[in-house]
Amino acid sequence: MMRSCGNTPATHNGHAMTPRDIFTALRQDVIGQDRALQDMAVAIYKHLIQHSVGNVLLIGNSGTGKTTIMRAAERFFAQAKGFEKFSTIIRINANLVADLASRGAQSNVVMDRLARQAATLLGERADLDTMLDYVSHGIVCVDEVDKIRAVVGGEANVKGIVAQDSLLTLMENENIQVELPYFEAGSWRSVTTPVNTQHILFVAGGAFEELYDQVFQRVTQKSGADKFYKLVPRADGSLERRFVFDMANHLAMEDIFNYGMTPQFLSRFDSIVMLRDFSAPDLVRIFRDIPGAIWPIAVDYFKHTGITLSISEEAAFMIADKAARKNRLGARALREVFGTIVKGLEFDPLASGLVREQDGQQVLEISKEVVETAHPG
């Protein structure tokens, strides 16, 4: 049933907050996943106005940004003012839930972590009422949710079934008994009390690796594979013909059921979002421009050795193009491709013969030829 909170708008610094505002904030940290971010922005907005819980399931190849999106949500709440009671965010691995499932602690581990995180955020401001508010309006990010399949190799996976059921219980607006720490009269105390999960937002993500092959086989058995050759952009803006199978265009709910996620579990997600594979232009930005990008880290390393590391535009484009062909690895392909180029140089750059004197400095330029030599094909 749809719930309302009296049409109270979400506000930030006295101004009405919109889904587009949230999208813009999240987009500062995430490249190439605008559709997923739009769904996340709407889910967060619903969470803020307590309209309904818009739980989100993110499906995407390894390295497409599932964890980055979750971290972007964490940064949004850390930086935004006025949403403090919604700022209790935890990330938990689905495998942990599965491991605890057989011990009967599967529900409590999630709620206990929310309680500890709320206590950490509040410190000595953690009176009991405020703790209840923070925990009951938290966000739970579940990593590797595809690892709790109900069926593996055609056989029932008991741990996966129980883990899905335990998460389902939390997503069904239940009252869960939680040991809440709280600060009173100068000391920490605790009390076991019911916490309703009605307004907790769940964001789950997984690679669902075998799902790609499963959907591909289903689709190509009917229509063949020739139609999946397309012109795609290279890093320099030119086009090349490449085989591209976009699972998002062919995925059916039945595929996810067959993979091993139960209908009851999936029904608790308002949005099931396919993250797209990165294009070569996306990968150039991820390689050079985002916080924690591979290239600035490499530059800093060589700076400590007294060498200025540089790269030609053509070389950066070539690295991105090679990584884009490894679409099942996502952004992690950049690390693989660049690693083959830079590892030997990190050990003994002077022995490479690539270091030259320029304006009184030692400069090592990674050129297109260097990339091709280190990573042919």
Protein backbone atom coordinates (compact mmCIF):
# COMPACT_ATOMS: atom_id res chain seq x y z
CA MET A 1 0.00 0.00 0.00
CA MET A 2 1.29 3.48 -0.88
CA ARG A 3 1.99 5.59 2.19
CA SER A 4 2.07 9.34 2.50
CA CYS A 5 3.55 11.66 5.07
CA GLY A 6 1.25 14.61 4.55
CA ASN A 7 3.01 15.77 1.37
CA THR A 8 5.88 17.15 3.40
CA PRO A 9 8.60 18.20 0.95
CA ALA A 10 12.23 17.27 1.42
CA THR A 11 14.17 20.46 2.03
CA HIS A 12 17.85 21.35 2.08
CA ASN A 13 19.02 24.68 3.56
CA GLY A 14 15.43 25.94 3.39
CA HIS A 15 14.91 24.99 -0.28
CA ALA A 16 12.78 22.16 -1.65
CA MET A 17 14.89 19.15 -2.64
CA THR A 18 13.94 17.39 -5.87
CA PRO A 19 14.99 14.05 -7.39
CA ARG A 20 16.99 16.00 -9.97
CA ASP A 21 18.94 17.74 -7.19
CA ILE A 22 19.81 14.36 -5.70
CA PHE A 23 20.75 13.03 -9.15
CA THR A 24 23.08 15.97 -9.70
CA ALA A 25 24.78 15.35 -6.36
CA LEU A 26 25.23 11.62 -7.02
CA ARG A 27 26.50 12.25 -10.56
CA GLN A 28 29.57 14.07 -9.26
CA ASP A 29 31.01 10.69 -8.28
CA VAL A 30 29.58 8.32 -10.91
CA ILE A 31 30.31 8.20 -14.63
CA GLY A 32 28.22 6.64 -17.37
CA GLN A 33 25.28 5.36 -15.29
CA ASP A 34 22.71 8.14 -15.57
CA ARG A 35 19.71 5.78 -15.78
CA ALA A 36 20.73 3.98 -12.60
CA LEU A 37 21.35 7.29 -10.85
CA GLN A 38 17.91 8.57 -11.82
CA ASP A 39 16.31 5.53 -10.20
CA MET A 40 18.55 5.96 -7.15
CA ALA A 41 17.62 9.65 -6.90
CA VAL A 42 13.90 8.83 -6.94
CA ALA A 43 14.39 6.08 -4.34
CA ILE A 44 16.31 8.44 -2.05
CA TYR A 45 13.70 11.17 -2.54
CA LYS A 46 10.90 8.75 -1.59
CA HIS A 47 12.99 7.79 1.41
CA LEU A 48 13.37 11.42 2.47
CA ILE A 49 9.66 12.24 2.26
CA GLN A 50 8.70 8.82 3.72
CA HIS A 51 6.28 8.40 0.83
CA SER A 52 7.09 4.76 0.19
CA VAL A 53 10.21 2.65 0.32
CA GLY A 54 11.57 2.43 -3.22
CA ASN A 55 14.07 -0.40 -2.75
CA VAL A 56 16.56 -0.71 -5.63
CA LEU A 57 18.27 -3.77 -7.12
CA LEU A 58 21.36 -2.95 -9.19
CA ILE A 59 22.49 -5.56 -11.73
CA GLY A 60 25.74 -5.02 -13.60
CA ASN A 61 29.00 -6.58 -14.65
CA SER A 62 31.92 -6.38 -12.27
CA GLY A 63 33.42 -2.90 -12.32
CA THR A 64 30.37 -1.06 -13.65
CA GLY A 65 29.95 1.04 -10.52
CA LYS A 66 27.54 -0.66 -8.11
CA THR A 67 29.75 0.02 -5.09
CA THR A 68 30.55 3.51 -6.42
CA ILE A 69 26.83 4.33 -6.52
CA MET A 70 26.41 3.13 -2.94
CA ARG A 71 29.36 5.26 -1.84
CA ALA A 72 27.92 8.24 -3.70
CA ALA A 73 24.75 7.88 -1.62
CA GLU A 74 26.87 7.79 1.54
CA ARG A 75 28.64 11.01 0.50
CA PHE A 76 25.33 12.66 -0.36
CA PHE A 77 24.01 12.15 3.16
CA ALA A 78 27.35 13.03 4.75
CA GLN A 79 27.41 16.40 2.96
CA ALA A 80 23.71 17.35 2.85
CA LYS A 81 22.33 19.20 5.86
CA GLY A 82 18.85 18.71 7.24
CA PHE A 83 18.62 14.96 6.56
CA GLU A 84 20.49 13.74 9.62
CA LYS A 85 17.99 11.09 10.66
CA PHE A 86 18.33 9.47 7.21
CA SER A 87 22.13 9.39 7.32
CA THR A 88 22.59 5.99 8.98
CA ILE A 89 23.97 3.93 6.10
CA ILE A 90 25.58 0.51 6.28
CA ARG A 91 27.04 -1.78 3.62
CA ILE A 92 26.89 -5.51 4.25
CA ASN A 93 27.92 -8.47 2.11
CA ALA A 94 25.13 -10.88 1.28
CA ASN A 95 27.50 -13.79 1.94
CA LEU A 96 27.66 -12.71 5.60
CA VAL A 97 23.88 -12.78 5.81
CA ALA A 98 23.93 -16.26 4.27
CA ASP A 99 26.59 -17.51 6.69
CA LEU A 100 24.59 -16.28 9.68
CA ALA A 101 21.30 -17.57 8.30
CA SER A 102 21.83 -21.07 9.67
CA ARG A 103 22.50 -19.63 13.15
CA GLY A 104 19.28 -17.66 13.43
CA ALA A 105 20.98 -14.25 13.54
CA GLN A 106 20.29 -13.27 9.95
CA SER A 107 17.87 -10.42 10.72
CA ASN A 108 19.70 -9.08 13.74
CA VAL A 109 23.07 -8.64 12.05
CA VAL A 110 21.62 -5.97 9.74
CA MET A 111 19.71 -4.15 12.45
CA ASP A 112 22.59 -4.39 14.93
CA ARG A 113 24.92 -2.80 12.40
CA LEU A 114 22.44 0.01 11.79
CA ALA A 115 22.26 0.58 15.54
CA ARG A 116 26.05 0.70 15.90
CA GLN A 117 26.37 3.08 12.96
CA ALA A 118 23.69 5.38 14.39
CA ALA A 119 25.48 5.42 17.77
CA THR A 120 28.74 6.28 16.00
CA LEU A 121 27.11 9.15 14.12
CA LEU A 122 25.35 10.57 17.18
CA GLY A 123 27.96 10.08 19.88
CA GLU A 124 26.77 11.57 23.15
CA ARG A 125 23.67 12.95 21.41
CA ALA A 126 22.40 9.36 21.15
CA ASP A 127 19.37 9.51 23.44
CA LEU A 128 16.93 6.64 22.99
CA ASP A 129 14.33 8.50 20.92
CA THR A 130 16.95 9.86 18.52
CA MET A 131 18.53 6.42 18.16
CA LEU A 132 15.14 4.94 17.26
CA ASP A 133 14.67 7.67 14.65
CA TYR A 134 18.10 7.16 13.09
CA VAL A 135 17.88 3.35 12.95
CA SER A 136 14.30 3.20 11.65
CA HIS A 137 15.16 5.61 8.79
CA GLY A 138 18.47 4.02 7.77
CA ILE A 139 19.74 2.73 4.44
CA VAL A 140 21.03 -0.82 4.01
CA CYS A 141 23.31 -1.51 1.04
CA VAL A 142 23.66 -5.23 0.33
CA ASP A 143 26.69 -6.18 -1.80
CA GLU A 144 26.92 -9.36 -3.88
CA VAL A 145 23.24 -10.17 -3.46
CA ASP A 146 23.55 -12.56 -6.42
CA LYS A 147 25.57 -14.87 -4.16
CA ILE A 148 22.46 -15.81 -2.16
CA ARG A 149 20.77 -17.73 -4.96
CA ALA A 150 18.01 -20.12 -4.02
CA VAL A 151 19.27 -22.59 -6.63
CA VAL A 152 22.88 -23.41 -7.53
CA GLY A 153 23.71 -25.99 -10.17
CA GLY A 154 20.13 -27.14 -10.28
CA GLU A 155 20.12 -27.91 -6.55
CA ALA A 156 18.39 -26.00 -3.75
CA ASN A 157 20.79 -23.71 -1.89
CA VAL A 158 19.43 -23.70 1.67
CA LYS A 159 21.64 -20.86 2.89
CA GLY A 160 20.60 -18.70 -0.04
CA ILE A 161 16.92 -19.41 0.52
CA VAL A 162 17.12 -18.55 4.23
CA ALA A 163 19.21 -15.44 3.53
CA GLN A 164 16.65 -14.16 1.00
CA ASP A 165 13.85 -14.89 3.44
CA SER A 166 15.63 -13.05 6.24
CA LEU A 167 16.19 -9.94 4.12
CA LEU A 168 12.60 -10.22 2.91
CA THR A 169 11.44 -10.11 6.55
CA LEU A 170 13.28 -6.82 7.03
CA MET A 171 11.73 -5.38 3.87
CA GLU A 172 8.19 -6.26 4.89
CA ASN A 173 7.66 -3.53 7.49
CA GLU A 174 8.21 -5.82 10.44
CA ASN A 175 8.92 -4.95 14.06
CA ILE A 176 12.40 -6.34 14.79
CA GLN A 177 13.75 -6.64 18.32
CA VAL A 178 17.03 -4.68 18.38
CA GLU A 179 19.50 -4.03 21.15
CA LEU A 180 19.85 -0.25 20.93
CA PRO A 181 22.78 1.50 22.57
CA TYR A 182 21.96 4.97 23.87
CA PHE A 183 23.68 7.67 25.92
CA GLU A 184 22.06 8.86 29.13
CA ALA A 185 23.27 10.56 32.31
CA GLY A 186 26.89 10.55 31.17
CA SER A 187 27.20 6.88 30.21
CA TRP A 188 26.26 4.39 27.51
CA ARG A 189 23.39 2.03 28.18
CA SER A 190 21.40 -0.38 26.03
CA VAL A 191 17.86 -1.64 25.78
CA THR A 192 16.21 -4.25 23.58
CA THR A 193 13.25 -2.64 21.85
CA PRO A 194 11.17 -3.18 18.69
CA VAL A 195 12.22 -1.17 15.62
CA ASN A 196 9.85 -1.00 12.66
CA THR A 197 11.53 -1.41 9.27
CA GLN A 198 8.83 0.42 7.31
CA HIS A 199 11.07 3.36 6.38
CA ILE A 200 14.41 1.58 5.89
CA LEU A 201 15.67 1.78 2.30
CA PHE A 202 17.39 -1.27 0.82
CA VAL A 203 19.83 -0.99 -2.09
CA ALA A 204 21.11 -4.37 -3.28
CA GLY A 205 23.69 -4.99 -5.98
CA GLY A 206 25.24 -7.94 -7.73
CA ALA A 207 27.11 -8.93 -10.88
CA PHE A 208 24.80 -11.88 -11.65
CA GLU A 209 27.59 -13.18 -13.87
CA GLU A 210 25.89 -16.31 -15.22
CA LEU A 211 22.73 -14.29 -15.94
CA TYR A 212 24.41 -12.66 -18.95
CA ASP A 213 25.11 -16.04 -20.57
CA GLN A 214 21.67 -17.31 -19.61
CA VAL A 215 19.89 -14.37 -21.31
CA PHE A 216 22.26 -14.41 -24.27
CA GLN A 217 21.56 -18.06 -24.98
CA ARG A 218 17.81 -17.58 -24.66
CA VAL A 219 17.78 -14.64 -27.08
CA THR A 220 20.24 -15.92 -29.67
CA GLN A 221 18.60 -19.35 -29.87
CA LYS A 222 15.62 -17.60 -31.43
CA SER A 223 17.21 -14.86 -33.53
CA GLY A 224 20.90 -15.63 -33.91
CA ALA A 225 23.82 -13.41 -32.94
CA ASP A 226 24.56 -11.47 -36.14
CA LYS A 227 22.28 -8.54 -35.25
CA PHE A 228 24.40 -7.71 -32.20
CA TYR A 229 27.26 -6.26 -34.24
CA LYS A 230 27.06 -2.50 -33.84
CA LEU A 231 29.06 0.66 -34.43
CA VAL A 232 30.34 1.86 -31.07
CA PRO A 233 32.38 4.97 -30.22
CA ARG A 234 36.12 4.68 -29.72
CA ALA A 235 37.80 6.96 -27.20
CA ASP A 236 38.71 9.52 -29.89
CA GLY A 237 35.10 9.75 -31.09
CA SER A 238 35.49 7.56 -34.17
CA LEU A 239 33.38 4.43 -34.59
CA GLU A 240 34.29 0.75 -34.79
CA ARG A 241 32.17 -2.31 -35.49
CA ARG A 242 32.00 -4.54 -32.45
CA PHE A 243 29.82 -7.29 -31.01
CA VAL A 244 27.61 -5.74 -28.32
CA PHE A 245 24.92 -7.61 -26.41
CA ASP A 246 23.06 -5.22 -24.12
CA MET A 247 21.38 -7.48 -21.59
CA ALA A 248 19.16 -4.65 -20.35
CA ASN A 249 17.22 -4.73 -23.63
CA HIS A 250 16.41 -8.43 -23.29
CA LEU A 251 16.22 -9.19 -19.56
CA ALA A 252 12.90 -10.58 -18.33
CA MET A 253 11.81 -11.10 -14.73
CA GLU A 254 11.66 -14.82 -15.45
CA ASP A 255 15.42 -14.77 -16.15
CA ILE A 256 16.11 -13.50 -12.64
CA PHE A 257 13.76 -16.12 -11.15
CA ASN A 258 15.57 -18.84 -13.11
CA TYR A 259 18.87 -17.46 -11.85
CA GLY A 260 17.75 -18.20 -8.30
CA MET A 261 16.15 -15.08 -6.84
CA THR A 262 12.71 -15.84 -5.41
CA PRO A 263 9.62 -13.97 -6.68
CA GLN A 264 8.79 -12.88 -3.12
CA PHE A 265 12.25 -11.36 -2.67
CA LEU A 266 12.22 -9.55 -6.00
CA SER A 267 8.73 -8.18 -5.35
CA ARG A 268 10.17 -5.97 -2.60
CA PHE A 269 12.24 -3.96 -5.11
CA ASP A 270 10.48 -1.06 -6.82
CA SER A 271 13.33 -0.68 -9.32
CA ILE A 272 15.48 -3.36 -10.93
CA VAL A 273 18.21 -1.43 -12.71
CA MET A 274 20.69 -2.75 -15.25
CA LEU A 275 23.99 -0.87 -15.15
CA ARG A 276 25.36 -0.46 -18.65
CA ASP A 277 28.84 -1.38 -19.78
CA PHE A 278 31.19 1.57 -20.04
CA SER A 279 32.00 3.06 -23.43
CA ALA A 280 35.57 3.95 -24.32
CA PRO A 281 34.91 7.71 -23.76
CA ASP A 282 33.56 6.85 -20.28
CA LEU A 283 36.70 4.84 -19.54
CA VAL A 284 38.99 7.74 -20.51
CA ARG A 285 37.29 9.86 -17.85
CA ILE A 286 37.43 7.05 -15.30
CA PHE A 287 41.12 6.54 -16.09
CA ARG A 288 42.09 10.19 -15.68
CA ASP A 289 39.48 12.38 -14.05
CA ILE A 290 37.52 10.86 -11.17
CA PRO A 291 38.67 10.88 -7.51
CA GLY A 292 40.98 7.93 -6.99
CA ALA A 293 41.60 7.51 -10.74
CA ILE A 294 44.43 5.21 -11.79
CA TRP A 295 46.40 7.81 -13.73
CA PRO A 296 46.87 10.48 -10.99
CA ILE A 297 47.94 7.73 -8.58
CA ALA A 298 50.58 6.58 -11.05
CA VAL A 299 51.79 10.14 -11.58
CA ASP A 300 52.17 10.55 -7.82
CA TYR A 301 54.19 7.31 -7.57
CA PHE A 302 56.70 8.41 -10.21
CA LYS A 303 56.93 11.85 -8.62
CA HIS A 304 58.43 10.16 -5.56
CA THR A 305 61.15 8.69 -7.79
CA GLY A 306 61.97 12.11 -9.24
CA ILE A 307 60.30 11.40 -12.58
CA THR A 308 57.44 13.27 -14.23
CA LEU A 309 55.05 10.79 -15.80
CA SER A 310 53.05 11.92 -18.82
CA ILE A 311 50.82 10.29 -21.38
CA SER A 312 49.87 11.24 -24.92
CA GLU A 313 46.22 11.65 -25.83
CA GLU A 314 46.52 8.80 -28.32
CA ALA A 315 47.95 6.49 -25.64
CA ALA A 316 45.15 7.29 -23.18
CA PHE A 317 42.58 6.65 -25.92
CA MET A 318 44.23 3.34 -26.81
CA ILE A 319 44.20 2.18 -23.18
CA ALA A 320 40.48 3.02 -22.94
CA ASP A 321 39.70 1.28 -26.23
CA LYS A 322 41.48 -1.90 -25.13
CA ALA A 323 39.68 -1.83 -21.78
CA ALA A 324 36.30 -1.29 -23.46
CA ARG A 325 36.72 -4.57 -25.36
CA LYS A 326 36.88 -6.37 -21.99
CA ASN A 327 33.32 -5.32 -21.21
CA ARG A 328 32.73 -8.07 -18.63
CA LEU A 329 35.38 -6.45 -16.41
CA GLY A 330 34.01 -2.90 -16.55
CA ALA A 331 36.32 -0.23 -15.15
CA ARG A 332 38.54 -2.94 -13.66
CA ALA A 333 39.76 -3.63 -17.21
CA LEU A 334 41.58 -0.29 -17.06
CA ARG A 335 43.70 -1.58 -14.20
CA GLU A 336 44.50 -4.76 -16.10
CA VAL A 337 45.48 -2.97 -19.32
CA PHE A 338 47.41 -0.17 -17.63
CA GLY A 339 49.04 -2.63 -15.25
CA THR A 340 50.72 -4.47 -18.12
CA ILE A 341 52.20 -1.16 -19.25
CA VAL A 342 53.31 0.36 -15.97
CA LYS A 343 54.50 -2.53 -13.80
CA GLY A 344 57.93 -2.86 -15.37
CA LEU A 345 58.34 0.89 -15.45
CA GLU A 346 57.60 1.15 -11.73
CA PHE A 347 60.40 -1.30 -10.92
CA ASP A 348 63.20 0.37 -12.90
CA PRO A 349 62.04 3.31 -15.03
CA LEU A 350 65.55 4.32 -16.06
CA ALA A 351 66.22 0.90 -17.57
CA SER A 352 63.23 1.30 -19.89
CA GLY A 353 65.02 3.77 -22.11
CA LEU A 354 61.92 5.97 -22.07
CA VAL A 355 63.12 8.59 -19.56
CA ARG A 356 64.44 11.80 -21.14
CA GLU A 357 65.63 15.17 -19.90
CA GLN A 358 63.21 18.04 -20.48
CA ASP A 359 63.61 21.51 -18.97
CA GLY A 360 65.86 20.15 -16.26
CA GLN A 361 63.43 17.37 -15.35
CA GLN A 362 63.34 13.66 -15.99
CA VAL A 363 60.21 12.88 -18.00
CA LEU A 364 58.73 9.51 -18.88
CA GLU A 365 56.03 9.70 -21.53
CA ILE A 366 53.71 6.80 -22.21
CA SER A 367 53.10 7.00 -25.94
CA LYS A 368 50.84 5.07 -28.28
CA GLU A 369 53.84 2.92 -29.25
CA VAL A 370 54.58 2.09 -25.60
CA VAL A 371 50.98 0.96 -25.11
CA GLU A 372 51.00 -1.16 -28.24
CA THR A 373 54.29 -2.81 -27.33
CA ALA A 374 53.18 -3.65 -23.80
CA HIS A 375 49.63 -4.65 -24.70
CA PRO A 376 49.44 -5.71 -28.38
CA GLY A 377 46.17 -6.66 -30.01
